[in-house]
Amino acid sequence: MCSPLRARRAVTAVSWGRRGADALSGVRSVPRRLIIDTSYSAHFMDFKGSSIPSSMKKLVVHKLSPNFREAVCARAVAVPTPADTELLVRNRFIGINASDINYTAGRYDPSVKPPFDAGFEGLGEVVGLGLSASSSFTVGDTVAYFGSGAFAEYTLVPAKESVPVPSVKPEFLTLLVSGATAYIALKRLGDLAKGQTVLVTAAAGGTGQFAVQFAKQAGCHVIGTCSSDEKAGFLKSIGCDRPINYTTEDLAKTLRKEYPQGIDVVYESVGGSVLELAVNSLANKGRLIIIGFISGYQTASGIPPFKGGTLPVKLLQKSASVRGFFCLTLWATTRRLWAA
């Protein structure tokens, strides 16, 4: 619906009053009716249905730091009005990622200086939208999105970057980054084949659990590392063939003993010594996919130590490869996946 002010103007402009009708000679008076023309409205806001407040709270990065609590603060601001191609989304669920602290530390875009909005992923209802955006969406639609400013009660999102979802459920939110990263990385870089062995580090994490399931669906034998027996049980429940709790088992010894031929594909997100072990565990023609290095995110540099002096030799001897994947560099592919 249009804003009350614009509605009143529209009614005034196109309503027929008795005086106007009587002024037309020979024209029979008809009952008065009101026509509301919204074609000139700049935006539509569901004030009544959603009870949109005048102000809201959001998290703002006021200091660059890998310590999230130090980097952000809560601020009360006015609820924004969507521009012509934007949606105003009332956030119901937001995604919290390990990479949020890379963002608060200013590592993704060093040119951006505080203050700036925090948060990448959100899901909720459309409560307002611009005129052009209304060609694809309407008030009440449920959408998910990936973009800055998600850690807020309301967020402005470009309509073209919004993904319609069936309902307000957190499961849909996990598909945006975690699910898409695992799917695209394994499909485009993993070259999975039935019968191969796949190692997923931090397998019970947000993207790791997707990687386990995708690799299993491809007919692979899947190994998953985790830090507790509870997580090991969870991995078993989603199809992981060999969960390894590295707090009770020696990961290097277990891999050497149980997989002497090596690992065909490694989906790696921990970095540091785990990355070194992954390199040493590759099979001939093995593929190591790096999607992150969470063990170093809270350090000053953001990068954990890695002894890579002999890496070229090790890769050469096994005709193996190391491949990096960052979803933003394949943004078009990720968007097409969401749209499907």
C-alpha atoms as a PDB file:
ATOM      1  CA  MET A   1       0.000   0.000   0.000  1.00  0.00           C
ATOM      2  CA  CYS A   2       1.188   3.533  -0.527  1.00  0.00           C
ATOM      3  CA  SER A   3       2.028   5.931   2.241  1.00  0.00           C
ATOM      4  CA  PRO A   4      -0.930   7.798   3.814  1.00  0.00           C
ATOM      5  CA  LEU A   5       0.295  11.162   2.571  1.00  0.00           C
ATOM      6  CA  ARG A   6       0.509  10.046  -1.058  1.00  0.00           C
ATOM      7  CA  ALA A   7      -2.804   8.268  -0.785  1.00  0.00           C
ATOM      8  CA  ARG A   8      -4.551  11.445   0.360  1.00  0.00           C
ATOM      9  CA  ARG A   9      -3.045  13.409  -2.498  1.00  0.00           C
ATOM     10  CA  ALA A  10      -4.109  10.789  -4.992  1.00  0.00           C
ATOM     11  CA  VAL A  11      -7.639  10.728  -3.671  1.00  0.00           C
ATOM     12  CA  THR A  12      -7.879  14.500  -3.867  1.00  0.00           C
ATOM     13  CA  ALA A  13      -6.596  14.537  -7.414  1.00  0.00           C
ATOM     14  CA  VAL A  14      -8.948  11.962  -8.901  1.00  0.00           C
ATOM     15  CA  SER A  15     -12.099  12.045  -6.722  1.00  0.00           C
ATOM     16  CA  TRP A  16     -15.354  13.330  -8.127  1.00  0.00           C
ATOM     17  CA  GLY A  17     -17.322  15.580  -5.800  1.00  0.00           C
ATOM     18  CA  ARG A  18     -20.950  16.567  -6.214  1.00  0.00           C
ATOM     19  CA  ARG A  19     -19.983  20.118  -7.166  1.00  0.00           C
ATOM     20  CA  GLY A  20     -17.814  18.913 -10.055  1.00  0.00           C
ATOM     21  CA  ALA A  21     -20.518  16.613 -11.357  1.00  0.00           C
ATOM     22  CA  ASP A  22     -23.259  19.223 -11.164  1.00  0.00           C
ATOM     23  CA  ALA A  23     -21.088  21.708 -12.985  1.00  0.00           C
ATOM     24  CA  LEU A  24     -21.164  19.578 -16.118  1.00  0.00           C
ATOM     25  CA  SER A  25     -24.241  20.541 -18.057  1.00  0.00           C
ATOM     26  CA  GLY A  26     -26.440  17.613 -19.038  1.00  0.00           C
ATOM     27  CA  VAL A  27     -24.426  15.063 -17.134  1.00  0.00           C
ATOM     28  CA  ARG A  28     -26.402  12.985 -14.644  1.00  0.00           C
ATOM     29  CA  SER A  29     -24.991  12.968 -11.110  1.00  0.00           C
ATOM     30  CA  VAL A  30     -23.536   9.613 -10.064  1.00  0.00           C
ATOM     31  CA  PRO A  31     -22.700   8.301  -6.586  1.00  0.00           C
ATOM     32  CA  ARG A  32     -19.375   9.576  -5.324  1.00  0.00           C
ATOM     33  CA  ARG A  33     -16.486   7.111  -5.478  1.00  0.00           C
ATOM     34  CA  LEU A  34     -12.832   7.310  -4.509  1.00  0.00           C
ATOM     35  CA  ILE A  35     -10.041   6.062  -6.771  1.00  0.00           C
ATOM     36  CA  ILE A  36      -6.548   5.739  -5.330  1.00  0.00           C
ATOM     37  CA  ASP A  37      -3.861   5.944  -7.985  1.00  0.00           C
ATOM     38  CA  THR A  38      -0.494   4.623  -6.769  1.00  0.00           C
ATOM     39  CA  SER A  39       1.294   4.833 -10.084  1.00  0.00           C
ATOM     40  CA  TYR A  40       3.198   7.925  -8.976  1.00  0.00           C
ATOM     41  CA  SER A  41       4.217   6.617  -5.578  1.00  0.00           C
ATOM     42  CA  ALA A  42       7.937   6.346  -4.943  1.00  0.00           C
ATOM     43  CA  HIS A  43       7.599   3.460  -2.515  1.00  0.00           C
ATOM     44  CA  PHE A  44       5.104   1.203  -0.763  1.00  0.00           C
ATOM     45  CA  MET A  45       5.200   0.634   2.986  1.00  0.00           C
ATOM     46  CA  ASP A  46       3.137  -1.822   5.019  1.00  0.00           C
ATOM     47  CA  PHE A  47       2.676   0.461   8.016  1.00  0.00           C
ATOM     48  CA  LYS A  48      -0.528  -1.185   9.221  1.00  0.00           C
ATOM     49  CA  GLY A  49       0.293  -4.841   8.620  1.00  0.00           C
ATOM     50  CA  SER A  50       3.838  -4.752   9.987  1.00  0.00           C
ATOM     51  CA  SER A  51       3.657  -1.914  12.493  1.00  0.00           C
ATOM     52  CA  ILE A  52       6.907  -0.434  11.224  1.00  0.00           C
ATOM     53  CA  PRO A  53       8.458   1.676  13.988  1.00  0.00           C
ATOM     54  CA  SER A  54      10.205   4.978  13.434  1.00  0.00           C
ATOM     55  CA  SER A  55      13.498   3.748  14.882  1.00  0.00           C
ATOM     56  CA  MET A  56      15.458   0.511  15.101  1.00  0.00           C
ATOM     57  CA  LYS A  57      18.664  -0.970  16.515  1.00  0.00           C
ATOM     58  CA  LYS A  58      21.635  -2.201  14.512  1.00  0.00           C
ATOM     59  CA  LEU A  59      25.251  -3.203  15.066  1.00  0.00           C
ATOM     60  CA  VAL A  60      27.863  -0.825  13.679  1.00  0.00           C
ATOM     61  CA  VAL A  61      31.612  -1.410  13.366  1.00  0.00           C
ATOM     62  CA  HIS A  62      33.166   1.600  15.088  1.00  0.00           C
ATOM     63  CA  LYS A  63      36.676   0.219  15.438  1.00  0.00           C
ATOM     64  CA  LEU A  64      38.702  -2.165  13.261  1.00  0.00           C
ATOM     65  CA  SER A  65      39.483  -5.269  15.258  1.00  0.00           C
ATOM     66  CA  PRO A  66      39.298  -9.084  14.953  1.00  0.00           C
ATOM     67  CA  ASN A  67      37.690  -9.009  18.407  1.00  0.00           C
ATOM     68  CA  PHE A  68      34.024  -8.679  17.509  1.00  0.00           C
ATOM     69  CA  ARG A  69      32.924  -7.353  20.904  1.00  0.00           C
ATOM     70  CA  GLU A  70      35.501  -4.584  20.735  1.00  0.00           C
ATOM     71  CA  ALA A  71      34.777  -3.768  17.104  1.00  0.00           C
ATOM     72  CA  VAL A  72      31.013  -3.237  17.221  1.00  0.00           C
ATOM     73  CA  CYS A  73      28.465  -1.284  19.174  1.00  0.00           C
ATOM     74  CA  ALA A  74      24.668  -1.110  19.114  1.00  0.00           C
ATOM     75  CA  ARG A  75      23.085   2.069  17.801  1.00  0.00           C
ATOM     76  CA  ALA A  76      19.530   3.320  17.548  1.00  0.00           C
ATOM     77  CA  VAL A  77      18.806   4.814  14.126  1.00  0.00           C
ATOM     78  CA  ALA A  78      15.810   5.730  11.993  1.00  0.00           C
ATOM     79  CA  VAL A  79      14.215   2.921  10.001  1.00  0.00           C
ATOM     80  CA  PRO A  80      15.322   3.618   6.407  1.00  0.00           C
ATOM     81  CA  THR A  81      12.999   4.133   3.451  1.00  0.00           C
ATOM     82  CA  PRO A  82      13.635   1.952   0.385  1.00  0.00           C
ATOM     83  CA  ALA A  83      14.766   3.585  -2.837  1.00  0.00           C
ATOM     84  CA  ASP A  84      13.249   2.730  -6.221  1.00  0.00           C
ATOM     85  CA  THR A  85      14.992  -0.653  -6.630  1.00  0.00           C
ATOM     86  CA  GLU A  86      15.276  -1.627  -2.960  1.00  0.00           C
ATOM     87  CA  LEU A  87      13.421  -3.772  -0.461  1.00  0.00           C
ATOM     88  CA  LEU A  88      13.024  -2.995   3.217  1.00  0.00           C
ATOM     89  CA  VAL A  89      13.353  -6.345   4.990  1.00  0.00           C
ATOM     90  CA  ARG A  90      12.382  -7.012   8.582  1.00  0.00           C
ATOM     91  CA  ASN A  91      15.056  -9.460   9.667  1.00  0.00           C
ATOM     92  CA  ARG A  92      13.832 -12.600  11.419  1.00  0.00           C
ATOM     93  CA  PHE A  93      17.076 -14.596  11.232  1.00  0.00           C
ATOM     94  CA  ILE A  94      20.662 -13.538  10.578  1.00  0.00           C
ATOM     95  CA  GLY A  95      23.706 -15.626   9.710  1.00  0.00           C
ATOM     96  CA  ILE A  96      26.784 -15.521  11.936  1.00  0.00           C
ATOM     97  CA  ASN A  97      29.962 -16.571  10.139  1.00  0.00           C
ATOM     98  CA  ALA A  98      33.577 -16.982  11.173  1.00  0.00           C
ATOM     99  CA  SER A  99      34.433 -14.457   8.482  1.00  0.00           C
ATOM    100  CA  ASP A 100      32.446 -11.741  10.302  1.00  0.00           C
ATOM    101  CA  ILE A 101      35.594 -10.992  12.288  1.00  0.00           C
ATOM    102  CA  ASN A 102      37.576 -10.641   9.088  1.00  0.00           C
ATOM    103  CA  TYR A 103      35.043  -8.016   8.078  1.00  0.00           C
ATOM    104  CA  THR A 104      35.214  -6.161  11.399  1.00  0.00           C
ATOM    105  CA  ALA A 105      39.010  -6.217  11.098  1.00  0.00           C
ATOM    106  CA  GLY A 106      38.781  -4.516   7.691  1.00  0.00           C
ATOM    107  CA  ARG A 107      40.472  -7.357   5.809  1.00  0.00           C
ATOM    108  CA  TYR A 108      37.972  -7.757   2.988  1.00  0.00           C
ATOM    109  CA  ASP A 109      38.062  -4.138   1.869  1.00  0.00           C
ATOM    110  CA  PRO A 110      40.854  -2.056   3.444  1.00  0.00           C
ATOM    111  CA  SER A 111      39.447   1.085   1.832  1.00  0.00           C
ATOM    112  CA  VAL A 112      36.328   0.957   4.017  1.00  0.00           C
ATOM    113  CA  LYS A 113      36.775   2.864   7.268  1.00  0.00           C
ATOM    114  CA  PRO A 114      34.552   2.860  10.388  1.00  0.00           C
ATOM    115  CA  PRO A 115      31.784   3.388  11.047  1.00  0.00           C
ATOM    116  CA  PHE A 116      30.119   0.792   8.798  1.00  0.00           C
ATOM    117  CA  ASP A 117      27.346  -1.746   9.215  1.00  0.00           C
ATOM    118  CA  ALA A 118      28.026  -5.315  10.345  1.00  0.00           C
ATOM    119  CA  GLY A 119      26.610  -8.638   9.215  1.00  0.00           C
ATOM    120  CA  PHE A 120      26.340 -10.460   5.878  1.00  0.00           C
ATOM    121  CA  GLU A 121      23.292 -12.713   5.808  1.00  0.00           C
ATOM    122  CA  GLY A 122      19.651 -12.159   6.638  1.00  0.00           C
ATOM    123  CA  LEU A 123      16.199 -13.609   6.128  1.00  0.00           C
ATOM    124  CA  GLY A 124      12.831 -12.025   6.748  1.00  0.00           C
ATOM    125  CA  GLU A 125       9.718 -10.407   5.309  1.00  0.00           C
ATOM    126  CA  VAL A 126       9.480  -7.547   2.858  1.00  0.00           C
ATOM    127  CA  VAL A 127       7.709  -4.689   4.637  1.00  0.00           C
ATOM    128  CA  GLY A 128       8.502  -1.936   2.169  1.00  0.00           C
ATOM    129  CA  LEU A 129       9.797  -1.603  -1.391  1.00  0.00           C
ATOM    130  CA  GLY A 130      10.502   0.829  -4.170  1.00  0.00           C
ATOM    131  CA  LEU A 131       8.305   1.180  -7.245  1.00  0.00           C
ATOM    132  CA  SER A 132      10.662  -0.668  -9.616  1.00  0.00           C
ATOM    133  CA  ALA A 133      11.254  -3.370  -7.022  1.00  0.00           C
ATOM    134  CA  SER A 134       7.496  -3.969  -6.880  1.00  0.00           C
ATOM    135  CA  SER A 135       7.644  -5.563 -10.345  1.00  0.00           C
ATOM    136  CA  SER A 136       9.277  -8.627  -8.759  1.00  0.00           C
ATOM    137  CA  PHE A 137       8.304  -8.468  -5.077  1.00  0.00           C
ATOM    138  CA  THR A 138       5.425  -7.395  -2.890  1.00  0.00           C
ATOM    139  CA  VAL A 139       4.900  -6.588   0.777  1.00  0.00           C
ATOM    140  CA  GLY A 140       4.740  -9.829   2.739  1.00  0.00           C
ATOM    141  CA  ASP A 141       7.175 -11.810   0.557  1.00  0.00           C
ATOM    142  CA  THR A 142       9.833 -13.805   2.389  1.00  0.00           C
ATOM    143  CA  VAL A 143      13.381 -13.274   1.132  1.00  0.00           C
ATOM    144  CA  ALA A 144      16.952 -14.143   2.020  1.00  0.00           C
ATOM    145  CA  TYR A 145      19.922 -11.980   1.088  1.00  0.00           C
ATOM    146  CA  PHE A 146      23.687 -11.636   1.321  1.00  0.00           C
ATOM    147  CA  GLY A 147      24.954  -8.123   1.865  1.00  0.00           C
ATOM    148  CA  SER A 148      26.291  -5.714   4.457  1.00  0.00           C
ATOM    149  CA  GLY A 149      24.108  -4.470   7.282  1.00  0.00           C
ATOM    150  CA  ALA A 150      22.345  -7.716   8.192  1.00  0.00           C
ATOM    151  CA  PHE A 151      22.906  -7.286  11.934  1.00  0.00           C
ATOM    152  CA  ALA A 152      19.927  -4.965  12.266  1.00  0.00           C
ATOM    153  CA  GLU A 153      16.206  -5.122  12.879  1.00  0.00           C
ATOM    154  CA  TYR A 154      15.540  -3.790   9.372  1.00  0.00           C
ATOM    155  CA  THR A 155      17.852  -3.796   6.336  1.00  0.00           C
ATOM    156  CA  LEU A 156      17.662  -2.213   2.903  1.00  0.00           C
ATOM    157  CA  VAL A 157      18.451  -4.798   0.223  1.00  0.00           C
ATOM    158  CA  PRO A 158      18.661  -4.350  -3.575  1.00  0.00           C
ATOM    159  CA  ALA A 159      15.802  -6.324  -5.094  1.00  0.00           C
ATOM    160  CA  LYS A 160      18.122  -7.950  -7.631  1.00  0.00           C
ATOM    161  CA  GLU A 161      20.221  -9.378  -4.789  1.00  0.00           C
ATOM    162  CA  SER A 162      17.264 -10.816  -2.867  1.00  0.00           C
ATOM    163  CA  VAL A 163      16.316 -14.475  -3.063  1.00  0.00           C
ATOM    164  CA  PRO A 164      12.670 -15.529  -2.609  1.00  0.00           C
ATOM    165  CA  VAL A 165      12.295 -18.374  -0.104  1.00  0.00           C
ATOM    166  CA  PRO A 166       9.180 -20.399   0.757  1.00  0.00           C
ATOM    167  CA  SER A 167       8.910 -19.387   4.416  1.00  0.00           C
ATOM    168  CA  VAL A 168      10.653 -17.772   7.368  1.00  0.00           C
ATOM    169  CA  LYS A 169      12.798 -20.710   8.456  1.00  0.00           C
ATOM    170  CA  PRO A 170      16.482 -20.539   9.448  1.00  0.00           C
ATOM    171  CA  GLU A 171      17.286 -23.588   7.307  1.00  0.00           C
ATOM    172  CA  PHE A 172      16.969 -21.467   4.166  1.00  0.00           C
ATOM    173  CA  LEU A 173      19.467 -18.939   5.493  1.00  0.00           C
ATOM    174  CA  THR A 174      22.224 -21.551   5.733  1.00  0.00           C
ATOM    175  CA  LEU A 175      22.112 -22.097   1.979  1.00  0.00           C
ATOM    176  CA  LEU A 176      23.336 -18.604   1.096  1.00  0.00           C
ATOM    177  CA  VAL A 177      27.018 -18.830   2.006  1.00  0.00           C
ATOM    178  CA  SER A 178      27.667 -22.129   3.787  1.00  0.00           C
ATOM    179  CA  GLY A 179      25.694 -24.302   1.388  1.00  0.00           C
ATOM    180  CA  ALA A 180      26.667 -22.461  -1.784  1.00  0.00           C
ATOM    181  CA  THR A 181      30.371 -22.466  -0.864  1.00  0.00           C
ATOM    182  CA  ALA A 182      30.430 -26.230  -0.316  1.00  0.00           C
ATOM    183  CA  TYR A 183      28.398 -27.016  -3.430  1.00  0.00           C
ATOM    184  CA  ILE A 184      30.280 -24.802  -5.882  1.00  0.00           C
ATOM    185  CA  ALA A 185      33.738 -25.526  -4.465  1.00  0.00           C
ATOM    186  CA  LEU A 186      33.311 -29.295  -4.577  1.00  0.00           C
ATOM    187  CA  LYS A 187      31.570 -29.263  -7.952  1.00  0.00           C
ATOM    188  CA  ARG A 188      33.909 -26.885  -9.771  1.00  0.00           C
ATOM    189  CA  LEU A 189      37.192 -27.500  -7.977  1.00  0.00           C
ATOM    190  CA  GLY A 190      36.853 -30.913  -6.355  1.00  0.00           C
ATOM    191  CA  ASP A 191      36.165 -32.969  -9.489  1.00  0.00           C
ATOM    192  CA  LEU A 192      34.483 -35.566  -7.274  1.00  0.00           C
ATOM    193  CA  ALA A 193      34.145 -39.099  -8.582  1.00  0.00           C
ATOM    194  CA  LYS A 194      32.389 -42.100  -7.100  1.00  0.00           C
ATOM    195  CA  GLY A 195      34.611 -44.160  -4.830  1.00  0.00           C
ATOM    196  CA  GLN A 196      37.073 -41.379  -4.028  1.00  0.00           C
ATOM    197  CA  THR A 197      38.083 -40.417  -0.484  1.00  0.00           C
ATOM    198  CA  VAL A 198      37.192 -36.931   0.755  1.00  0.00           C
ATOM    199  CA  LEU A 199      38.434 -35.279   3.947  1.00  0.00           C
ATOM    200  CA  VAL A 200      36.400 -32.397   5.382  1.00  0.00           C
ATOM    201  CA  THR A 201      38.026 -30.411   8.189  1.00  0.00           C
ATOM    202  CA  ALA A 202      35.790 -28.676  10.749  1.00  0.00           C
ATOM    203  CA  ALA A 203      33.168 -30.996   9.330  1.00  0.00           C
ATOM    204  CA  ALA A 204      30.476 -30.220  11.907  1.00  0.00           C
ATOM    205  CA  GLY A 205      30.679 -26.489  11.169  1.00  0.00           C
ATOM    206  CA  GLY A 206      28.407 -24.382   9.007  1.00  0.00           C
ATOM    207  CA  THR A 207      29.887 -25.208   5.603  1.00  0.00           C
ATOM    208  CA  GLY A 208      31.587 -28.459   6.621  1.00  0.00           C
ATOM    209  CA  GLN A 209      28.326 -30.279   7.232  1.00  0.00           C
ATOM    210  CA  PHE A 210      27.160 -29.370   3.725  1.00  0.00           C
ATOM    211  CA  ALA A 211      30.451 -30.593   2.243  1.00  0.00           C
ATOM    212  CA  VAL A 212      30.033 -33.933   4.019  1.00  0.00           C
ATOM    213  CA  GLN A 213      26.581 -34.442   2.556  1.00  0.00           C
ATOM    214  CA  PHE A 214      27.466 -33.314  -0.975  1.00  0.00           C
ATOM    215  CA  ALA A 215      30.516 -35.595  -1.045  1.00  0.00           C
ATOM    216  CA  LYS A 216      28.457 -38.494   0.232  1.00  0.00           C
ATOM    217  CA  GLN A 217      25.789 -37.897  -2.428  1.00  0.00           C
ATOM    218  CA  ALA A 218      28.572 -38.055  -5.023  1.00  0.00           C
ATOM    219  CA  GLY A 219      29.362 -41.593  -3.883  1.00  0.00           C
ATOM    220  CA  CYS A 220      32.557 -40.752  -2.001  1.00  0.00           C
ATOM    221  CA  HIS A 221      33.977 -42.134   1.232  1.00  0.00           C
ATOM    222  CA  VAL A 222      33.882 -39.168   3.628  1.00  0.00           C
ATOM    223  CA  ILE A 223      36.157 -38.433   6.587  1.00  0.00           C
ATOM    224  CA  GLY A 224      35.242 -35.538   8.891  1.00  0.00           C
ATOM    225  CA  THR A 225      37.272 -33.909  11.650  1.00  0.00           C
ATOM    226  CA  CYS A 226      35.592 -32.477  14.748  1.00  0.00           C
ATOM    227  CA  SER A 227      36.336 -31.584  18.378  1.00  0.00           C
ATOM    228  CA  SER A 228      33.873 -33.657  20.421  1.00  0.00           C
ATOM    229  CA  ASP A 229      32.109 -37.002  20.557  1.00  0.00           C
ATOM    230  CA  GLU A 230      28.790 -35.183  20.272  1.00  0.00           C
ATOM    231  CA  LYS A 231      29.871 -33.659  16.973  1.00  0.00           C
ATOM    232  CA  ALA A 232      31.183 -37.033  15.826  1.00  0.00           C
ATOM    233  CA  GLY A 233      27.737 -38.477  16.454  1.00  0.00           C
ATOM    234  CA  PHE A 234      26.164 -35.676  14.463  1.00  0.00           C
ATOM    235  CA  LEU A 235      28.525 -36.330  11.554  1.00  0.00           C
ATOM    236  CA  LYS A 236      27.551 -39.998  11.604  1.00  0.00           C
ATOM    237  CA  SER A 237      23.891 -38.985  11.416  1.00  0.00           C
ATOM    238  CA  ILE A 238      24.441 -37.019   8.180  1.00  0.00           C
ATOM    239  CA  GLY A 239      26.396 -39.762   6.436  1.00  0.00           C
ATOM    240  CA  CYS A 240      30.039 -39.222   7.414  1.00  0.00           C
ATOM    241  CA  ASP A 241      31.825 -42.572   7.113  1.00  0.00           C
ATOM    242  CA  ARG A 242      34.713 -41.817   9.470  1.00  0.00           C
ATOM    243  CA  PRO A 243      34.330 -38.988  11.985  1.00  0.00           C
ATOM    244  CA  ILE A 244      37.628 -38.213  13.744  1.00  0.00           C
ATOM    245  CA  ASN A 245      37.542 -36.419  17.085  1.00  0.00           C
ATOM    246  CA  TYR A 246      41.001 -34.869  17.017  1.00  0.00           C
ATOM    247  CA  THR A 247      40.903 -34.216  20.783  1.00  0.00           C
ATOM    248  CA  THR A 248      40.929 -37.959  21.472  1.00  0.00           C
ATOM    249  CA  GLU A 249      42.584 -39.339  18.314  1.00  0.00           C
ATOM    250  CA  ASP A 250      45.845 -38.371  16.640  1.00  0.00           C
ATOM    251  CA  LEU A 251      44.662 -37.102  13.283  1.00  0.00           C
ATOM    252  CA  ALA A 252      47.973 -37.600  11.457  1.00  0.00           C
ATOM    253  CA  LYS A 253      48.460 -41.150  12.715  1.00  0.00           C
ATOM    254  CA  THR A 254      44.841 -42.092  11.971  1.00  0.00           C
ATOM    255  CA  LEU A 255      45.069 -40.860   8.379  1.00  0.00           C
ATOM    256  CA  ARG A 256      48.389 -42.620   7.766  1.00  0.00           C
ATOM    257  CA  LYS A 257      47.138 -45.878   9.244  1.00  0.00           C
ATOM    258  CA  GLU A 258      43.630 -46.036   7.798  1.00  0.00           C
ATOM    259  CA  TYR A 259      44.240 -44.234   4.478  1.00  0.00           C
ATOM    260  CA  PRO A 260      47.761 -45.199   3.330  1.00  0.00           C
ATOM    261  CA  GLN A 261      46.905 -44.376  -0.317  1.00  0.00           C
ATOM    262  CA  GLY A 262      46.151 -40.795   0.636  1.00  0.00           C
ATOM    263  CA  ILE A 263      43.164 -38.473   0.289  1.00  0.00           C
ATOM    264  CA  ASP A 264      41.738 -37.604  -3.113  1.00  0.00           C
ATOM    265  CA  VAL A 265      39.987 -34.365  -2.119  1.00  0.00           C
ATOM    266  CA  VAL A 266      40.396 -32.220   0.996  1.00  0.00           C
ATOM    267  CA  TYR A 267      37.853 -29.501   1.859  1.00  0.00           C
ATOM    268  CA  GLU A 268      39.926 -27.390   4.245  1.00  0.00           C
ATOM    269  CA  SER A 269      38.919 -24.429   6.400  1.00  0.00           C
ATOM    270  CA  VAL A 270      41.159 -24.541   9.481  1.00  0.00           C
ATOM    271  CA  GLY A 271      44.627 -23.598   8.218  1.00  0.00           C
ATOM    272  CA  GLY A 272      47.965 -23.771  10.028  1.00  0.00           C
ATOM    273  CA  SER A 273      49.097 -27.234  11.096  1.00  0.00           C
ATOM    274  CA  VAL A 274      45.873 -28.805   9.786  1.00  0.00           C
ATOM    275  CA  LEU A 275      46.594 -27.390   6.338  1.00  0.00           C
ATOM    276  CA  GLU A 276      50.131 -28.787   6.499  1.00  0.00           C
ATOM    277  CA  LEU A 277      48.743 -32.210   7.410  1.00  0.00           C
ATOM    278  CA  ALA A 278      46.245 -31.999   4.550  1.00  0.00           C
ATOM    279  CA  VAL A 279      49.031 -31.322   2.060  1.00  0.00           C
ATOM    280  CA  ASN A 280      51.037 -34.270   3.364  1.00  0.00           C
ATOM    281  CA  SER A 281      47.982 -36.542   3.178  1.00  0.00           C
ATOM    282  CA  LEU A 282      47.105 -35.922  -0.470  1.00  0.00           C
ATOM    283  CA  ALA A 283      46.955 -38.890  -2.815  1.00  0.00           C
ATOM    284  CA  ASN A 284      48.399 -38.855  -6.310  1.00  0.00           C
ATOM    285  CA  LYS A 285      46.445 -36.272  -8.325  1.00  0.00           C
ATOM    286  CA  GLY A 286      44.851 -35.114  -5.068  1.00  0.00           C
ATOM    287  CA  ARG A 287      43.008 -31.791  -4.849  1.00  0.00           C
ATOM    288  CA  LEU A 288      43.182 -29.564  -1.788  1.00  0.00           C
ATOM    289  CA  ILE A 289      40.472 -26.896  -1.659  1.00  0.00           C
ATOM    290  CA  ILE A 290      41.083 -24.013   0.752  1.00  0.00           C
ATOM    291  CA  ILE A 291      37.892 -22.179   1.712  1.00  0.00           C
ATOM    292  CA  GLY A 292      39.260 -20.468   4.823  1.00  0.00           C
ATOM    293  CA  PHE A 293      41.715 -20.644   7.724  1.00  0.00           C
ATOM    294  CA  ILE A 294      39.671 -20.042  10.844  1.00  0.00           C
ATOM    295  CA  SER A 295      42.521 -20.861  13.228  1.00  0.00           C
ATOM    296  CA  GLY A 296      44.091 -17.511  12.373  1.00  0.00           C
ATOM    297  CA  TYR A 297      41.094 -15.210  12.131  1.00  0.00           C
ATOM    298  CA  GLN A 298      41.488 -13.759  15.620  1.00  0.00           C
ATOM    299  CA  THR A 299      45.201 -13.059  15.236  1.00  0.00           C
ATOM    300  CA  ALA A 300      46.620  -9.696  14.250  1.00  0.00           C
ATOM    301  CA  SER A 301      47.400 -10.805  10.680  1.00  0.00           C
ATOM    302  CA  GLY A 302      44.388 -13.084  10.283  1.00  0.00           C
ATOM    303  CA  ILE A 303      46.634 -15.785   8.803  1.00  0.00           C
ATOM    304  CA  PRO A 304      47.901 -18.768  10.816  1.00  0.00           C
ATOM    305  CA  PRO A 305      51.555 -19.851  10.444  1.00  0.00           C
ATOM    306  CA  PHE A 306      52.128 -22.276   7.594  1.00  0.00           C
ATOM    307  CA  LYS A 307      55.329 -24.109   6.750  1.00  0.00           C
ATOM    308  CA  GLY A 308      55.065 -24.146   2.991  1.00  0.00           C
ATOM    309  CA  GLY A 309      58.694 -24.125   1.911  1.00  0.00           C
ATOM    310  CA  THR A 310      58.471 -27.613   0.406  1.00  0.00           C
ATOM    311  CA  LEU A 311      54.931 -27.231  -0.938  1.00  0.00           C
ATOM    312  CA  PRO A 312      55.950 -27.012  -4.631  1.00  0.00           C
ATOM    313  CA  VAL A 313      57.956 -30.232  -4.347  1.00  0.00           C
ATOM    314  CA  LYS A 314      55.170 -32.117  -2.611  1.00  0.00           C
ATOM    315  CA  LEU A 315      52.607 -31.049  -5.205  1.00  0.00           C
ATOM    316  CA  LEU A 316      54.950 -31.863  -8.062  1.00  0.00           C
ATOM    317  CA  GLN A 317      55.785 -35.354  -6.774  1.00  0.00           C
ATOM    318  CA  LYS A 318      52.099 -36.271  -6.545  1.00  0.00           C
ATOM    319  CA  SER A 319      50.782 -34.243  -9.506  1.00  0.00           C
ATOM    320  CA  ALA A 320      48.522 -32.699  -6.869  1.00  0.00           C
ATOM    321  CA  SER A 321      47.013 -29.233  -6.660  1.00  0.00           C
ATOM    322  CA  VAL A 322      45.927 -26.609  -4.136  1.00  0.00           C
ATOM    323  CA  ARG A 323      42.890 -24.565  -5.087  1.00  0.00           C
ATOM    324  CA  GLY A 324      41.371 -21.604  -3.294  1.00  0.00           C
ATOM    325  CA  PHE A 325      37.677 -20.739  -3.227  1.00  0.00           C
ATOM    326  CA  PHE A 326      36.053 -17.489  -2.078  1.00  0.00           C
ATOM    327  CA  CYS A 327      32.358 -17.200  -2.890  1.00  0.00           C
ATOM    328  CA  LEU A 328      32.514 -13.478  -3.678  1.00  0.00           C
ATOM    329  CA  THR A 329      34.922 -14.086  -6.563  1.00  0.00           C
ATOM    330  CA  LEU A 330      32.327 -16.375  -8.141  1.00  0.00           C
ATOM    331  CA  TRP A 331      29.409 -14.141  -7.280  1.00  0.00           C
ATOM    332  CA  ALA A 332      27.574 -14.676 -10.562  1.00  0.00           C
ATOM    333  CA  THR A 333      27.697 -18.444 -10.126  1.00  0.00           C
ATOM    334  CA  THR A 334      26.486 -18.148  -6.546  1.00  0.00           C
ATOM    335  CA  ARG A 335      23.581 -15.908  -7.605  1.00  0.00           C
ATOM    336  CA  ARG A 336      22.517 -18.368 -10.319  1.00  0.00           C
ATOM    337  CA  LEU A 337      22.564 -21.180  -7.770  1.00  0.00           C
ATOM    338  CA  TRP A 338      20.313 -19.212  -5.420  1.00  0.00           C
ATOM    339  CA  ALA A 339      17.910 -18.363  -8.218  1.00  0.00           C
ATOM    340  CA  ALA A 340      17.608 -22.049  -9.133  1.00  0.00           C
END
